[in-house]
Protein backbone atom coordinates (compact mmCIF):
# COMPACT_ATOMS: atom_id res chain seq x y z
CA UNK A 1 125.62 69.50 40.08
CA UNK A 2 124.63 66.29 41.90
CA UNK A 3 122.59 63.87 39.81
CA UNK A 4 119.51 64.62 41.48
CA UNK A 5 119.52 68.07 40.01
CA UNK A 6 118.39 66.38 36.55
CA UNK A 7 115.89 64.15 38.26
CA UNK A 8 113.45 66.58 39.99
CA UNK A 9 113.21 70.21 40.95
CA UNK A 10 114.02 70.75 44.33
CA UNK A 11 112.26 73.70 46.40
CA UNK A 12 111.88 75.01 49.85
CA UNK A 13 109.12 77.01 51.66
CA UNK A 14 109.76 80.54 52.61
CA UNK A 15 108.47 83.20 55.16
CA UNK A 16 105.20 84.68 53.57
CA UNK A 17 105.22 87.38 56.25
CA UNK A 18 108.75 88.79 54.97
CA UNK A 19 107.49 89.45 51.45
CA UNK A 20 107.69 93.07 50.46
CA UNK A 21 108.18 95.30 47.35
CA UNK A 22 110.50 97.93 46.24
CA UNK A 23 112.05 100.05 49.00
CA UNK A 24 114.46 99.39 51.97
CA UNK A 25 115.28 95.93 53.22
CA UNK A 26 115.75 95.92 57.08
CA UNK A 27 118.34 93.57 58.14
CA UNK A 28 119.51 92.48 61.56
CA UNK A 29 123.42 92.54 62.16
CA UNK A 30 123.66 88.71 61.39
CA UNK A 31 122.20 89.13 58.22
CA UNK A 32 124.92 91.50 56.98
CA UNK A 33 127.48 88.63 57.29
CA UNK A 34 127.68 87.56 53.70
CA UNK A 35 124.47 89.14 52.51
CA UNK A 36 123.26 88.32 48.93
CA UNK A 37 120.85 89.16 46.41
CA UNK A 38 119.12 86.50 44.16
CA UNK A 39 118.00 87.31 40.57
CA UNK A 40 114.65 85.30 40.11
CA UNK A 41 111.32 85.24 38.46
CA UNK A 42 108.32 84.27 40.44
CA UNK A 43 104.93 83.27 39.30
CA UNK A 44 101.54 83.57 41.24
CA UNK A 45 98.99 80.82 41.30
CA UNK A 46 95.45 81.60 40.09
CA UNK A 47 93.56 78.56 41.28
CA UNK A 48 93.58 75.74 43.81
CA UNK A 49 94.72 72.34 42.76
CA UNK A 50 96.53 69.29 44.01
CA UNK A 51 98.68 66.61 41.75
CA UNK A 52 98.80 68.78 38.70
CA UNK A 53 100.36 67.24 35.81
CA UNK A 54 102.94 69.58 34.02
CA UNK A 55 100.76 69.32 30.99
CA UNK A 56 98.15 71.20 32.66
CA UNK A 57 100.12 73.27 35.14
CA UNK A 58 100.59 76.32 32.92
CA UNK A 59 96.63 76.95 33.39
CA UNK A 60 97.29 77.65 37.00
CA UNK A 61 99.68 80.66 36.49
CA UNK A 62 98.18 84.09 36.85
CA UNK A 63 101.23 85.88 35.65
CA UNK A 64 105.02 86.48 36.42
CA UNK A 65 107.22 89.03 38.27
CA UNK A 66 110.62 89.84 39.48
CA UNK A 67 111.74 88.19 42.74
CA UNK A 68 114.83 89.15 44.92
CA UNK A 69 115.18 86.40 47.62
CA UNK A 70 117.68 88.11 49.94
CA UNK A 71 119.87 85.59 51.51
CA UNK A 72 122.12 85.77 54.63
CA UNK A 73 124.58 83.19 53.33
CA UNK A 74 126.87 82.68 56.40
CA UNK A 75 123.55 81.94 58.59
CA UNK A 76 122.18 79.77 55.62
CA UNK A 77 125.43 77.60 55.28
CA UNK A 78 125.75 77.13 59.15
CA UNK A 79 122.23 75.92 59.15
CA UNK A 80 122.60 73.30 56.06
CA UNK A 81 125.59 71.83 57.64
CA UNK A 82 123.01 70.23 59.95
CA UNK A 83 120.96 68.81 56.87
CA UNK A 84 118.13 71.34 57.70
CA UNK A 85 117.05 74.82 56.43
CA UNK A 86 117.56 77.26 55.00
CA UNK A 87 115.51 79.00 57.86
CA UNK A 88 116.94 82.19 59.59
CA UNK A 89 119.17 82.69 56.41
CA UNK A 90 116.16 83.06 54.39
CA UNK A 91 113.39 84.29 56.33
CA UNK A 92 113.91 87.97 56.92
CA UNK A 93 113.25 89.58 53.21
CA UNK A 94 111.79 88.48 49.92
CA UNK A 95 111.20 91.43 47.56
CA UNK A 96 108.70 91.04 44.46
CA UNK A 97 107.38 93.24 41.97
CA UNK A 98 107.01 95.90 40.59
CA UNK A 99 103.93 94.43 39.00
CA UNK A 100 102.44 91.26 38.03
CA UNK A 101 102.64 90.59 34.28
CA UNK A 102 100.07 88.34 32.79
CA UNK A 103 100.89 85.50 30.22
CA UNK A 104 99.10 87.28 27.25
CA UNK A 105 101.40 90.24 27.91
CA UNK A 106 104.48 87.88 27.66
CA UNK A 107 103.07 86.15 24.31
CA UNK A 108 105.71 87.89 22.05
CA UNK A 109 108.45 86.60 24.02
CA UNK A 110 107.30 83.02 24.19
CA UNK A 111 109.65 80.24 22.98
CA UNK A 112 109.98 76.46 22.78
CA UNK A 113 110.83 74.70 26.11
CA UNK A 114 114.39 72.91 26.21
CA UNK A 115 114.49 69.30 24.72
CA UNK A 116 113.00 66.91 27.13
CA UNK A 117 110.92 69.57 29.16
CA UNK A 118 107.20 70.72 28.63
CA UNK A 119 105.81 74.07 29.60
CA UNK A 120 105.59 77.66 28.71
CA UNK A 121 109.09 79.06 28.14
CA UNK A 122 110.05 82.82 27.46
CA UNK A 123 113.17 84.77 26.37
CA UNK A 124 113.53 87.33 28.76
CA UNK A 125 116.94 89.09 29.65
CA UNK A 126 117.48 89.51 33.30
CA UNK A 127 120.08 91.68 34.97
CA UNK A 128 121.10 92.92 38.62
CA UNK A 129 122.92 96.23 39.28
CA UNK A 130 124.52 97.25 42.71
CA UNK A 131 125.05 100.73 43.10
CA UNK A 132 124.63 101.33 39.40
CA UNK A 133 127.10 98.56 38.47
CA UNK A 134 126.05 95.59 36.63
CA UNK A 135 127.00 92.43 38.60
CA UNK A 136 125.09 89.66 37.08
CA UNK A 137 123.25 88.94 33.75
CA UNK A 138 121.40 85.85 32.29
CA UNK A 139 118.10 84.94 30.43
CA UNK A 140 114.90 83.27 31.63
CA UNK A 141 115.22 80.79 28.87
CA UNK A 142 117.93 79.00 30.44
CA UNK A 143 115.78 77.94 33.41
CA UNK A 144 116.39 74.15 33.87
CA UNK A 145 113.01 73.00 34.83
CA UNK A 146 109.86 74.93 33.60
CA UNK A 147 107.50 76.42 35.92
CA UNK A 148 104.77 73.71 34.96
CA UNK A 149 107.26 71.07 35.89
CA UNK A 150 107.82 72.93 39.30
CA UNK A 151 104.27 73.08 39.84
CA UNK A 152 103.81 69.32 39.16
CA UNK A 153 106.47 68.53 41.85
CA UNK A 154 105.10 71.22 44.30
CA UNK A 155 101.39 70.12 44.03
CA UNK A 156 102.36 66.16 44.54
CA UNK A 157 100.15 65.26 47.42
CA UNK A 158 99.87 68.94 48.43
CA UNK A 159 97.30 71.57 47.67
CA UNK A 160 98.26 74.77 46.03
CA UNK A 161 96.03 78.13 46.27
CA UNK A 162 95.29 81.18 44.57
CA UNK A 163 97.95 83.83 45.55
CA UNK A 164 100.71 81.30 46.32
CA UNK A 165 103.91 82.67 44.93
CA UNK A 166 106.74 80.21 43.54
CA UNK A 167 110.10 81.41 42.55
CA UNK A 168 112.33 80.04 39.90
CA UNK A 169 115.58 79.95 41.73
CA UNK A 170 118.57 82.13 40.64
CA UNK A 171 119.27 82.56 36.94
CA UNK A 172 123.07 81.29 36.27
CA UNK A 173 125.51 83.36 38.34
CA UNK A 174 122.35 85.19 39.56
CA UNK A 175 123.85 85.79 43.25
CA UNK A 176 127.17 86.75 44.77
CA UNK A 177 127.48 83.09 46.06
CA UNK A 178 127.84 81.72 42.52
CA UNK A 179 129.78 84.78 41.17
CA UNK A 180 132.28 84.48 44.15
CA UNK A 181 132.62 80.85 43.49
CA UNK A 182 133.27 81.06 39.77
CA UNK A 183 135.73 83.94 40.41
CA UNK A 184 137.63 82.03 42.90
CA UNK A 185 138.22 79.21 40.44
CA UNK A 186 139.59 81.65 37.73
CA UNK A 187 141.57 83.84 40.34
CA UNK A 188 142.67 82.33 43.84
CA UNK A 189 143.42 85.97 44.95
CA UNK A 190 139.78 87.06 44.29
CA UNK A 191 138.24 89.03 47.09
CA UNK A 192 134.41 88.03 47.74
CA UNK A 193 131.72 90.62 47.12
CA UNK A 194 128.62 90.88 49.24
CA UNK A 195 125.90 93.29 49.91
CA UNK A 196 126.70 96.09 52.54
CA UNK A 197 124.59 98.73 54.59
CA UNK A 198 123.50 101.39 52.17
CA UNK A 199 123.63 99.56 49.03
CA UNK A 200 121.13 100.00 46.19
CA UNK A 201 120.16 96.89 44.22
CA UNK A 202 118.10 96.93 41.17
CA UNK A 203 116.95 93.73 39.35
CA UNK A 204 115.65 94.32 35.77
CA UNK A 205 113.91 91.83 33.58
CA UNK A 206 112.56 92.36 30.07
CA UNK A 207 108.65 93.01 30.13
CA UNK A 208 108.58 92.67 33.83
CA UNK A 209 110.05 96.12 34.66
CA UNK A 210 112.79 96.96 37.66
CA UNK A 211 112.65 96.12 41.19
CA UNK A 212 114.73 98.36 43.48
CA UNK A 213 115.74 97.91 46.96
CA UNK A 214 118.28 99.33 49.64
CA UNK A 215 120.02 97.76 52.57
CA UNK A 216 119.35 99.25 55.85
CA UNK A 217 119.60 98.05 59.52
CA UNK A 218 116.71 97.12 61.25
CA UNK A 219 115.66 99.68 64.20
CA UNK A 220 112.83 98.92 66.54
């Protein structure tokens, strides 16, 4: 990773009108060119604030849930060549759920944050299955920046509000983009895998449940 990865958490704004729960994900044809899942955890904000220090930021978290930030990688990479975006590569579908789990319910899984970081941290296994086959697995405890530290960055000079949703970014190898890249290093003959029409995607995280979606073509 570039040096800035260790200096501050990076984030982007997404389309709140494209959030959905379990069920079909409706895609346009261009979305299906290198369509990807993202195995993430999200938080929901419970009160308004601005310039929130990380030491107090966990008080602004109502709870945690699974997030699948679907990504059209070809569109995304084309946009980001212009040092802009992602926009059209990310704005069509973000699935969350199946429920919001409060912090008291996660207390049995709480662990110490990584050295040099502050904020709540939990030992939660994470996995993704596509058509019943596990393609990715990780753990929430490996998250580099805590949500408290992310809230501090997000709220710097900007108001956050109850109901705001903040995603963690993918767990390590929590998407085909990373899995394909790793596999190509190990095997030059690797054939990249992406999501296709009809695929069933299931994200599962300890204590947070299972989030299931299927890929369908949008029809007006």
